[in-house]
Amino acid sequence: MQNTPVVVTPPAQTVVVTPTPVATGHYETRVQNVWVEGRYIDQATPQGSVIRTWQPGHYEQQSTQVWVSP
């Protein structure tokens, strides 16, 4: 009787690949008007006294980045 070698191979591995989600969309710059409350402003004069003046309220434009998805 001859001895024949026995070859043992491990079972094949199963590889599962999950696709990574791709962020679809983009940033947009949006401009909006924001109300700024009125306030007093103190100004020093060259003589050393302080003059308080009222600055009325007003609107200012602010830009913000917003993510927009399709």
PDB file of N, CA and C in Angstrom:
ATOM      1  N   MET A   1       0.821  -1.179   0.000  1.00  0.00           N
ATOM      2  CA  MET A   1       0.000   0.000   0.000  1.00  0.00           C
ATOM      3  C   MET A   1       0.861   1.237   0.000  1.00  0.00           C
ATOM      4  N   GLN A   2       0.461   2.170  -0.779  1.00  0.00           N
ATOM      5  CA  GLN A   2       1.183   3.436  -0.857  1.00  0.00           C
ATOM      6  C   GLN A   2       0.486   4.479  -0.013  1.00  0.00           C
ATOM      7  N   ASN A   3       1.306   5.322   0.585  1.00  0.00           N
ATOM      8  CA  ASN A   3       0.741   6.435   1.361  1.00  0.00           C
ATOM      9  C   ASN A   3       0.570   7.630   0.439  1.00  0.00           C
ATOM     10  N   THR A   4      -0.637   8.019   0.200  1.00  0.00           N
ATOM     11  CA  THR A   4      -0.892   9.220  -0.598  1.00  0.00           C
ATOM     12  C   THR A   4      -1.092  10.390   0.345  1.00  0.00           C
ATOM     13  N   PRO A   5      -0.426  11.505   0.050  1.00  0.00           N
ATOM     14  CA  PRO A   5      -0.582  12.657   0.939  1.00  0.00           C
ATOM     15  C   PRO A   5      -2.009  13.189   0.909  1.00  0.00           C
ATOM     16  N   VAL A   6      -2.450  13.661   2.042  1.00  0.00           N
ATOM     17  CA  VAL A   6      -3.777  14.246   2.152  1.00  0.00           C
ATOM     18  C   VAL A   6      -3.600  15.760   2.215  1.00  0.00           C
ATOM     19  N   VAL A   7      -4.271  16.471   1.325  1.00  0.00           N
ATOM     20  CA  VAL A   7      -4.191  17.933   1.281  1.00  0.00           C
ATOM     21  C   VAL A   7      -5.443  18.495   1.923  1.00  0.00           C
ATOM     22  N   VAL A   8      -5.236  19.306   2.960  1.00  0.00           N
ATOM     23  CA  VAL A   8      -6.362  19.933   3.648  1.00  0.00           C
ATOM     24  C   VAL A   8      -6.319  21.414   3.344  1.00  0.00           C
ATOM     25  N   THR A   9      -7.401  21.960   2.830  1.00  0.00           N
ATOM     26  CA  THR A   9      -7.484  23.406   2.545  1.00  0.00           C
ATOM     27  C   THR A   9      -8.594  23.994   3.392  1.00  0.00           C
ATOM     28  N   PRO A  10      -8.335  25.183   3.946  1.00  0.00           N
ATOM     29  CA  PRO A  10      -9.402  25.816   4.732  1.00  0.00           C
ATOM     30  C   PRO A  10     -10.533  26.271   3.821  1.00  0.00           C
ATOM     31  N   PRO A  11     -11.718  26.429   4.379  1.00  0.00           N
ATOM     32  CA  PRO A  11     -12.838  26.871   3.542  1.00  0.00           C
ATOM     33  C   PRO A  11     -12.589  28.300   3.030  1.00  0.00           C
ATOM     34  N   ALA A  12     -13.133  28.587   1.892  1.00  0.00           N
ATOM     35  CA  ALA A  12     -12.964  29.918   1.289  1.00  0.00           C
ATOM     36  C   ALA A  12     -13.640  30.971   2.159  1.00  0.00           C
ATOM     37  N   GLN A  13     -12.973  32.132   2.277  1.00  0.00           N
ATOM     38  CA  GLN A  13     -13.549  33.219   3.069  1.00  0.00           C
ATOM     39  C   GLN A  13     -14.554  33.992   2.234  1.00  0.00           C
ATOM     40  N   THR A  14     -15.608  34.419   2.916  1.00  0.00           N
ATOM     41  CA  THR A  14     -16.619  35.239   2.253  1.00  0.00           C
ATOM     42  C   THR A  14     -16.368  36.698   2.626  1.00  0.00           C
ATOM     43  N   VAL A  15     -16.182  37.525   1.644  1.00  0.00           N
ATOM     44  CA  VAL A  15     -15.932  38.946   1.867  1.00  0.00           C
ATOM     45  C   VAL A  15     -17.164  39.725   1.437  1.00  0.00           C
ATOM     46  N   VAL A  16     -17.694  40.520   2.364  1.00  0.00           N
ATOM     47  CA  VAL A  16     -18.868  41.342   2.066  1.00  0.00           C
ATOM     48  C   VAL A  16     -18.418  42.790   1.996  1.00  0.00           C
ATOM     49  N   VAL A  17     -18.661  43.415   0.891  1.00  0.00           N
ATOM     50  CA  VAL A  17     -18.281  44.814   0.699  1.00  0.00           C
ATOM     51  C   VAL A  17     -19.550  45.647   0.691  1.00  0.00           C
ATOM     52  N   THR A  18     -19.619  46.572   1.642  1.00  0.00           N
ATOM     53  CA  THR A  18     -20.763  47.480   1.665  1.00  0.00           C
ATOM     54  C   THR A  18     -20.312  48.819   1.105  1.00  0.00           C
ATOM     55  N   PRO A  19     -21.014  49.335   0.149  1.00  0.00           N
ATOM     56  CA  PRO A  19     -20.600  50.616  -0.430  1.00  0.00           C
ATOM     57  C   PRO A  19     -20.791  51.751   0.572  1.00  0.00           C
ATOM     58  N   THR A  20     -19.844  52.651   0.587  1.00  0.00           N
ATOM     59  CA  THR A  20     -19.968  53.809   1.470  1.00  0.00           C
ATOM     60  C   THR A  20     -20.909  54.814   0.821  1.00  0.00           C
ATOM     61  N   PRO A  21     -21.819  55.372   1.593  1.00  0.00           N
ATOM     62  CA  PRO A  21     -22.757  56.328   0.998  1.00  0.00           C
ATOM     63  C   PRO A  21     -22.018  57.594   0.551  1.00  0.00           C
ATOM     64  N   VAL A  22     -22.392  58.066  -0.593  1.00  0.00           N
ATOM     65  CA  VAL A  22     -21.793  59.277  -1.135  1.00  0.00           C
ATOM     66  C   VAL A  22     -22.724  60.446  -0.827  1.00  0.00           C
ATOM     67  N   ALA A  23     -22.162  61.471  -0.230  1.00  0.00           N
ATOM     68  CA  ALA A  23     -22.965  62.652   0.097  1.00  0.00           C
ATOM     69  C   ALA A  23     -23.280  63.394  -1.197  1.00  0.00           C
ATOM     70  N   THR A  24     -24.537  63.423  -1.526  1.00  0.00           N
ATOM     71  CA  THR A  24     -24.934  64.161  -2.718  1.00  0.00           C
ATOM     72  C   THR A  24     -25.566  65.463  -2.269  1.00  0.00           C
ATOM     73  N   GLY A  25     -25.144  66.522  -2.852  1.00  0.00           N
ATOM     74  CA  GLY A  25     -25.636  67.840  -2.490  1.00  0.00           C
ATOM     75  C   GLY A  25     -24.499  68.845  -2.572  1.00  0.00           C
ATOM     76  N   HIS A  26     -24.757  70.020  -2.088  1.00  0.00           N
ATOM     77  CA  HIS A  26     -23.744  71.072  -2.145  1.00  0.00           C
ATOM     78  C   HIS A  26     -24.084  72.155  -1.130  1.00  0.00           C
ATOM     79  N   TYR A  27     -23.111  72.999  -0.878  1.00  0.00           N
ATOM     80  CA  TYR A  27     -23.331  74.143  -0.006  1.00  0.00           C
ATOM     81  C   TYR A  27     -23.796  75.331  -0.841  1.00  0.00           C
ATOM     82  N   GLU A  28     -24.704  76.075  -0.295  1.00  0.00           N
ATOM     83  CA  GLU A  28     -25.144  77.335  -0.917  1.00  0.00           C
ATOM     84  C   GLU A  28     -24.989  78.446   0.103  1.00  0.00           C
ATOM     85  N   THR A  29     -24.636  79.605  -0.374  1.00  0.00           N
ATOM     86  CA  THR A  29     -24.543  80.779   0.484  1.00  0.00           C
ATOM     87  C   THR A  29     -25.881  81.494   0.446  1.00  0.00           C
ATOM     88  N   ARG A  30     -26.488  81.631   1.600  1.00  0.00           N
ATOM     89  CA  ARG A  30     -27.777  82.319   1.696  1.00  0.00           C
ATOM     90  C   ARG A  30     -27.573  83.638   2.435  1.00  0.00           C
ATOM     91  N   VAL A  31     -28.215  84.663   1.949  1.00  0.00           N
ATOM     92  CA  VAL A  31     -28.120  85.988   2.559  1.00  0.00           C
ATOM     93  C   VAL A  31     -29.475  86.303   3.177  1.00  0.00           C
ATOM     94  N   GLN A  32     -29.461  86.754   4.423  1.00  0.00           N
ATOM     95  CA  GLN A  32     -30.712  87.115   5.071  1.00  0.00           C
ATOM     96  C   GLN A  32     -30.537  88.427   5.817  1.00  0.00           C
ATOM     97  N   ASN A  33     -31.622  89.158   5.921  1.00  0.00           N
ATOM     98  CA  ASN A  33     -31.615  90.416   6.655  1.00  0.00           C
ATOM     99  C   ASN A  33     -31.891  90.147   8.125  1.00  0.00           C
ATOM    100  N   VAL A  34     -31.059  90.722   8.991  1.00  0.00           N
ATOM    101  CA  VAL A  34     -31.187  90.542  10.429  1.00  0.00           C
ATOM    102  C   VAL A  34     -31.338  91.919  11.063  1.00  0.00           C
ATOM    103  N   TRP A  35     -32.320  92.060  11.969  1.00  0.00           N
ATOM    104  CA  TRP A  35     -32.552  93.328  12.645  1.00  0.00           C
ATOM    105  C   TRP A  35     -31.548  93.501  13.781  1.00  0.00           C
ATOM    106  N   VAL A  36     -30.877  94.653  13.800  1.00  0.00           N
ATOM    107  CA  VAL A  36     -29.943  94.998  14.867  1.00  0.00           C
ATOM    108  C   VAL A  36     -30.608  96.090  15.700  1.00  0.00           C
ATOM    109  N   GLU A  37     -30.756  95.823  16.997  1.00  0.00           N
ATOM    110  CA  GLU A  37     -31.420  96.768  17.893  1.00  0.00           C
ATOM    111  C   GLU A  37     -30.658  98.093  17.954  1.00  0.00           C
ATOM    112  N   GLY A  38     -31.398  99.158  18.228  1.00  0.00           N
ATOM    113  CA  GLY A  38     -30.774 100.454  18.423  1.00  0.00           C
ATOM    114  C   GLY A  38     -29.950 100.463  19.705  1.00  0.00           C
ATOM    115  N   ARG A  39     -28.959 101.372  19.769  1.00  0.00           N
ATOM    116  CA  ARG A  39     -28.099 101.423  20.951  1.00  0.00           C
ATOM    117  C   ARG A  39     -27.483 102.801  21.099  1.00  0.00           C
ATOM    118  N   TYR A  40     -26.999 103.062  22.293  1.00  0.00           N
ATOM    119  CA  TYR A  40     -26.276 104.298  22.566  1.00  0.00           C
ATOM    120  C   TYR A  40     -24.787 104.064  22.318  1.00  0.00           C
ATOM    121  N   ILE A  41     -24.144 105.069  21.741  1.00  0.00           N
ATOM    122  CA  ILE A  41     -22.701 105.017  21.513  1.00  0.00           C
ATOM    123  C   ILE A  41     -22.071 106.182  22.254  1.00  0.00           C
ATOM    124  N   ASP A  42     -21.068 105.873  23.064  1.00  0.00           N
ATOM    125  CA  ASP A  42     -20.341 106.907  23.813  1.00  0.00           C
ATOM    126  C   ASP A  42     -19.102 107.315  23.020  1.00  0.00           C
ATOM    127  N   GLN A  43     -18.941 108.627  22.857  1.00  0.00           N
ATOM    128  CA  GLN A  43     -17.773 109.164  22.150  1.00  0.00           C
ATOM    129  C   GLN A  43     -17.057 110.147  23.067  1.00  0.00           C
ATOM    130  N   ALA A  44     -15.739 109.995  23.175  1.00  0.00           N
ATOM    131  CA  ALA A  44     -14.949 110.909  24.001  1.00  0.00           C
ATOM    132  C   ALA A  44     -14.525 112.103  23.142  1.00  0.00           C
ATOM    133  N   THR A  45     -14.670 113.288  23.708  1.00  0.00           N
ATOM    134  CA  THR A  45     -14.248 114.508  23.014  1.00  0.00           C
ATOM    135  C   THR A  45     -12.796 114.811  23.387  1.00  0.00           C
ATOM    136  N   PRO A  46     -12.126 115.644  22.626  1.00  0.00           N
ATOM    137  CA  PRO A  46     -10.742 116.009  22.971  1.00  0.00           C
ATOM    138  C   PRO A  46     -10.630 116.674  24.345  1.00  0.00           C
ATOM    139  N   GLN A  47     -11.702 117.290  24.841  1.00  0.00           N
ATOM    140  CA  GLN A  47     -11.670 117.928  26.154  1.00  0.00           C
ATOM    141  C   GLN A  47     -11.837 116.922  27.289  1.00  0.00           C
ATOM    142  N   GLY A  48     -12.120 115.664  26.971  1.00  0.00           N
ATOM    143  CA  GLY A  48     -12.256 114.636  27.995  1.00  0.00           C
ATOM    144  C   GLY A  48     -13.679 114.333  28.399  1.00  0.00           C
ATOM    145  N   SER A  49     -14.653 115.034  27.853  1.00  0.00           N
ATOM    146  CA  SER A  49     -16.037 114.719  28.195  1.00  0.00           C
ATOM    147  C   SER A  49     -16.557 113.626  27.258  1.00  0.00           C
ATOM    148  N   VAL A  50     -17.692 113.053  27.648  1.00  0.00           N
ATOM    149  CA  VAL A  50     -18.270 111.963  26.864  1.00  0.00           C
ATOM    150  C   VAL A  50     -19.606 112.421  26.304  1.00  0.00           C
ATOM    151  N   ILE A  51     -19.786 112.189  25.021  1.00  0.00           N
ATOM    152  CA  ILE A  51     -21.060 112.505  24.363  1.00  0.00           C
ATOM    153  C   ILE A  51     -21.728 111.176  24.014  1.00  0.00           C
ATOM    154  N   ARG A  52     -22.949 111.019  24.483  1.00  0.00           N
ATOM    155  CA  ARG A  52     -23.704 109.797  24.212  1.00  0.00           C
ATOM    156  C   ARG A  52     -24.709 110.101  23.111  1.00  0.00           C
ATOM    157  N   THR A  53     -24.628 109.339  22.031  1.00  0.00           N
ATOM    158  CA  THR A  53     -25.555 109.522  20.909  1.00  0.00           C
ATOM    159  C   THR A  53     -26.302 108.207  20.661  1.00  0.00           C
ATOM    160  N   TRP A  54     -27.518 108.344  20.158  1.00  0.00           N
ATOM    161  CA  TRP A  54     -28.360 107.185  19.881  1.00  0.00           C
ATOM    162  C   TRP A  54     -28.160 106.758  18.434  1.00  0.00           C
ATOM    163  N   GLN A  55     -27.870 105.485  18.237  1.00  0.00           N
ATOM    164  CA  GLN A  55     -27.814 104.915  16.896  1.00  0.00           C
ATOM    165  C   GLN A  55     -29.071 104.077  16.733  1.00  0.00           C
ATOM    166  N   PRO A  56     -29.974 104.456  15.830  1.00  0.00           N
ATOM    167  CA  PRO A  56     -31.236 103.716  15.691  1.00  0.00           C
ATOM    168  C   PRO A  56     -31.006 102.306  15.143  1.00  0.00           C
ATOM    169  N   GLY A  57     -31.998 101.461  15.358  1.00  0.00           N
ATOM    170  CA  GLY A  57     -31.931 100.094  14.845  1.00  0.00           C
ATOM    171  C   GLY A  57     -31.915 100.079  13.332  1.00  0.00           C
ATOM    172  N   HIS A  58     -31.371  99.003  12.792  1.00  0.00           N
ATOM    173  CA  HIS A  58     -31.260  98.885  11.337  1.00  0.00           C
ATOM    174  C   HIS A  58     -31.118  97.409  10.961  1.00  0.00           C
ATOM    175  N   TYR A  59     -31.296  97.139   9.685  1.00  0.00           N
ATOM    176  CA  TYR A  59     -31.106  95.786   9.171  1.00  0.00           C
ATOM    177  C   TYR A  59     -29.678  95.633   8.662  1.00  0.00           C
ATOM    178  N   GLU A  60     -29.093  94.463   8.908  1.00  0.00           N
ATOM    179  CA  GLU A  60     -27.796  94.107   8.345  1.00  0.00           C
ATOM    180  C   GLU A  60     -27.953  92.795   7.591  1.00  0.00           C
ATOM    181  N   GLN A  61     -27.172  92.620   6.532  1.00  0.00           N
ATOM    182  CA  GLN A  61     -27.208  91.366   5.792  1.00  0.00           C
ATOM    183  C   GLN A  61     -26.141  90.423   6.338  1.00  0.00           C
ATOM    184  N   GLN A  62     -26.554  89.167   6.599  1.00  0.00           N
ATOM    185  CA  GLN A  62     -25.623  88.131   7.047  1.00  0.00           C
ATOM    186  C   GLN A  62     -25.642  86.990   6.060  1.00  0.00           C
ATOM    187  N   SER A  63     -24.457  86.479   5.762  1.00  0.00           N
ATOM    188  CA  SER A  63     -24.333  85.335   4.860  1.00  0.00           C
ATOM    189  C   SER A  63     -24.095  84.080   5.685  1.00  0.00           C
ATOM    190  N   THR A  64     -24.810  82.999   5.340  1.00  0.00           N
ATOM    191  CA  THR A  64     -24.622  81.721   6.008  1.00  0.00           C
ATOM    192  C   THR A  64     -24.478  80.638   4.966  1.00  0.00           C
ATOM    193  N   GLN A  65     -23.692  79.604   5.287  1.00  0.00           N
ATOM    194  CA  GLN A  65     -23.543  78.442   4.405  1.00  0.00           C
ATOM    195  C   GLN A  65     -24.586  77.410   4.798  1.00  0.00           C
ATOM    196  N   VAL A  66     -25.339  76.921   3.819  1.00  0.00           N
ATOM    197  CA  VAL A  66     -26.413  75.946   4.060  1.00  0.00           C
ATOM    198  C   VAL A  66     -26.189  74.751   3.137  1.00  0.00           C
ATOM    199  N   TRP A  67     -26.250  73.530   3.709  1.00  0.00           N
ATOM    200  CA  TRP A  67     -26.121  72.310   2.899  1.00  0.00           C
ATOM    201  C   TRP A  67     -27.461  72.012   2.233  1.00  0.00           C
ATOM    202  N   VAL A  68     -27.428  71.838   0.926  1.00  0.00           N
ATOM    203  CA  VAL A  68     -28.650  71.583   0.156  1.00  0.00           C
ATOM    204  C   VAL A  68     -28.502  70.210  -0.483  1.00  0.00           C
ATOM    205  N   SER A  69     -29.414  69.295  -0.147  1.00  0.00           N
ATOM    206  CA  SER A  69     -29.379  67.978  -0.767  1.00  0.00           C
ATOM    207  C   SER A  69     -30.439  67.941  -1.872  1.00  0.00           C
ATOM    208  N   PRO A  70     -30.164  67.156  -2.887  1.00  0.00           N
ATOM    209  CA  PRO A  70     -31.099  67.139  -4.030  1.00  0.00           C
ATOM    210  C   PRO A  70     -32.429  66.511  -3.728  1.00  0.00           C
TER     211      PRO A  70
END
